[in-house]
């Protein structure tokens, strides 16, 4: 893993770089554009945790998470509700470990806040991110949010994304 990887709060200084990040054209129907995520973060400032993913000074992706809230409104008694709301890795940057770094970072923040469960959702089927999330240890819960499958990580397991 690159030692120069870091997350940065989206600010006026990096806003244009953040909204300029685009996934591959064949993935555009699978994840909202960064500008929509930032608009949602603006109207949900107490919930959204948007971050730009940088490799050195180069923007390579964007994530938005939430903590202490339920993705489906149900923490099922497993602790604080935390989730990965969005993950956009730039088209030319995919397959280089940036998505894994992003998920690890959200796991670390959720644990820091006392979370025991991390959720995310994805569109099932070919071309989507399901395989990526399953390889990272997310397991389908059986729940759906609209057309998206919900998956979860049990953060009490030390082996989860060390």
Protein backbone atom coordinates (compact mmCIF):
# COMPACT_ATOMS: atom_id res chain seq x y z
CA UNK A 1 0.00 0.00 0.00
CA UNK A 2 1.24 3.47 -0.78
CA UNK A 3 2.45 5.44 2.20
CA UNK A 4 1.19 8.67 0.64
CA UNK A 5 -2.49 7.71 0.80
CA UNK A 6 -4.66 9.94 2.94
CA UNK A 7 -8.15 11.32 3.35
CA UNK A 8 -8.85 15.01 3.29
CA UNK A 9 -11.95 16.98 4.18
CA UNK A 10 -13.57 18.49 1.09
CA UNK A 11 -12.88 22.22 1.19
CA UNK A 12 -13.01 25.24 -1.13
CA UNK A 13 -9.39 24.46 -2.05
CA UNK A 14 -10.12 20.96 -3.34
CA UNK A 15 -13.81 21.19 -4.25
CA UNK A 16 -13.18 21.37 -8.02
CA UNK A 17 -10.86 18.37 -7.87
CA UNK A 18 -13.49 16.43 -5.89
CA UNK A 19 -16.35 17.11 -8.29
CA UNK A 20 -14.04 16.44 -11.24
CA UNK A 21 -13.61 12.80 -10.19
CA UNK A 22 -15.46 10.47 -12.54
CA UNK A 23 -15.91 6.71 -12.46
CA UNK A 24 -15.77 4.71 -15.70
CA UNK A 25 -18.70 5.44 -18.05
CA UNK A 26 -20.01 1.87 -17.60
CA UNK A 27 -20.18 2.49 -13.82
CA UNK A 28 -22.03 5.81 -13.84
CA UNK A 29 -25.39 4.11 -13.26
CA UNK A 30 -24.00 2.33 -10.17
CA UNK A 31 -22.91 5.30 -8.02
CA UNK A 32 -24.02 8.90 -7.69
CA UNK A 33 -21.57 11.55 -8.91
CA UNK A 34 -19.48 13.31 -6.29
CA UNK A 35 -21.38 16.56 -6.76
CA UNK A 36 -24.63 14.84 -5.68
CA UNK A 37 -22.88 13.34 -2.65
CA UNK A 38 -21.59 16.77 -1.65
CA UNK A 39 -25.08 18.22 -2.02
CA UNK A 40 -26.41 15.47 0.26
CA UNK A 41 -23.60 16.16 2.72
CA UNK A 42 -24.60 19.82 2.72
CA UNK A 43 -28.22 19.05 3.61
CA UNK A 44 -27.23 16.32 6.12
CA UNK A 45 -24.20 17.90 7.82
CA UNK A 46 -24.73 16.05 11.10
CA UNK A 47 -24.69 12.67 9.36
CA UNK A 48 -22.45 12.83 6.27
CA UNK A 49 -18.67 12.38 6.44
CA UNK A 50 -17.37 13.23 2.93
CA UNK A 51 -13.65 12.79 2.20
CA UNK A 52 -11.40 13.15 -0.79
CA UNK A 53 -8.95 10.27 -1.26
CA UNK A 54 -5.48 11.48 -2.17
CA UNK A 55 -2.33 9.71 -3.27
CA UNK A 56 0.22 12.36 -2.41
CA UNK A 57 -1.42 15.50 -3.76
CA UNK A 58 -3.29 13.66 -6.53
CA UNK A 59 -7.04 13.11 -6.04
CA UNK A 60 -7.87 9.48 -6.83
CA UNK A 61 -11.28 8.99 -5.25
CA UNK A 62 -14.04 10.14 -2.97
CA UNK A 63 -15.91 8.49 -0.14
CA UNK A 64 -18.80 9.49 2.03
CA UNK A 65 -19.63 7.66 5.23
CA UNK A 66 -21.99 8.11 8.13
CA UNK A 67 -21.54 7.25 11.77
CA UNK A 68 -23.93 6.85 14.68
CA UNK A 69 -26.91 6.59 12.33
CA UNK A 70 -28.67 3.67 10.71
CA UNK A 71 -28.47 3.10 6.97
CA UNK A 72 -31.89 1.49 7.17
CA UNK A 73 -32.92 3.08 10.46
CA UNK A 74 -32.21 -0.19 12.25
CA UNK A 75 -28.99 -0.86 14.15
CA UNK A 76 -30.37 -4.31 15.05
CA UNK A 77 -28.93 -4.03 18.53
CA UNK A 78 -25.38 -4.52 17.24
CA UNK A 79 -24.02 -1.15 18.24
CA UNK A 80 -23.79 2.20 16.57
CA UNK A 81 -25.01 2.38 12.99
CA UNK A 82 -22.16 3.26 10.66
CA UNK A 83 -21.89 2.90 6.93
CA UNK A 84 -20.07 3.57 3.74
CA UNK A 85 -22.57 5.73 1.86
CA UNK A 86 -20.59 6.35 -1.34
CA UNK A 87 -17.32 5.23 -2.86
CA UNK A 88 -16.12 6.69 -6.15
CA UNK A 89 -12.68 5.72 -7.43
CA UNK A 90 -11.60 7.69 -10.51
CA UNK A 91 -11.75 5.74 -13.77
CA UNK A 92 -8.00 5.67 -14.37
CA UNK A 93 -7.20 4.87 -10.74
CA UNK A 94 -9.19 1.68 -10.19
CA UNK A 95 -7.45 -1.56 -9.31
CA UNK A 96 -4.63 0.12 -7.38
CA UNK A 97 -5.83 -0.42 -3.81
CA UNK A 98 -7.54 2.95 -3.34
CA UNK A 99 -10.96 1.42 -2.69
CA UNK A 100 -9.49 -0.95 -0.11
CA UNK A 101 -7.72 2.00 1.55
CA UNK A 102 -11.02 3.91 1.63
CA UNK A 103 -12.92 1.05 3.26
CA UNK A 104 -10.09 0.50 5.77
CA UNK A 105 -10.22 4.19 6.66
CA UNK A 106 -13.98 4.07 7.27
CA UNK A 107 -13.59 0.90 9.35
CA UNK A 108 -10.93 2.63 11.47
CA UNK A 109 -13.12 5.70 11.99
CA UNK A 110 -16.17 3.59 12.86
CA UNK A 111 -14.14 1.62 15.41
CA UNK A 112 -12.68 4.84 16.83
CA UNK A 113 -16.26 6.01 17.42
CA UNK A 114 -17.22 2.74 19.10
CA UNK A 115 -19.02 1.16 16.15
CA UNK A 116 -19.37 -2.61 15.93
CA UNK A 117 -21.01 -2.89 12.51
CA UNK A 118 -20.35 -1.20 9.18
CA UNK A 119 -22.87 -1.38 6.36
CA UNK A 120 -22.84 -0.46 2.71
CA UNK A 121 -25.07 -1.15 -0.26
CA UNK A 122 -24.53 -1.98 -3.91
CA UNK A 123 -26.41 -2.82 -7.06
CA UNK A 124 -26.12 -6.58 -7.56
CA UNK A 125 -25.23 -8.04 -10.89
CA UNK A 126 -22.54 -7.90 -13.52
CA UNK A 127 -20.25 -4.92 -13.68
CA UNK A 128 -21.10 -3.76 -10.17
CA UNK A 129 -18.96 -3.61 -7.03
CA UNK A 130 -20.43 -6.68 -5.32
CA UNK A 131 -17.29 -8.80 -5.77
CA UNK A 132 -15.13 -6.00 -4.35
CA UNK A 133 -17.24 -5.71 -1.21
CA UNK A 134 -17.48 -9.47 -0.73
CA UNK A 135 -13.68 -9.83 -1.04
CA UNK A 136 -13.32 -7.22 1.71
CA UNK A 137 -15.52 -9.30 3.99
CA UNK A 138 -18.93 -7.66 3.65
CA UNK A 139 -21.74 -10.20 3.92
CA UNK A 140 -25.24 -9.63 2.53
CA UNK A 141 -27.80 -9.04 5.27
CA UNK A 142 -30.79 -10.02 3.16
CA UNK A 143 -32.02 -6.41 3.30
CA UNK A 144 -32.52 -4.23 0.26
CA UNK A 145 -32.60 -0.46 -0.03
CA UNK A 146 -34.54 0.07 -3.20
CA UNK A 147 -32.66 -2.01 -5.80
CA UNK A 148 -29.48 -2.16 -3.73
CA UNK A 149 -28.31 -5.10 -1.64
CA UNK A 150 -27.16 -4.26 1.91
CA UNK A 151 -23.95 -5.80 3.21
CA UNK A 152 -22.28 -5.56 6.58
CA UNK A 153 -18.93 -6.05 8.27
CA UNK A 154 -18.73 -7.20 11.87
CA UNK A 155 -16.19 -4.77 13.34
CA UNK A 156 -15.76 -6.82 16.49
CA UNK A 157 -13.66 -9.29 14.48
CA UNK A 158 -9.98 -8.31 14.63
CA UNK A 159 -9.39 -9.92 11.23
CA UNK A 160 -11.66 -7.40 9.48
CA UNK A 161 -9.46 -5.26 7.25
CA UNK A 162 -6.43 -5.04 9.53
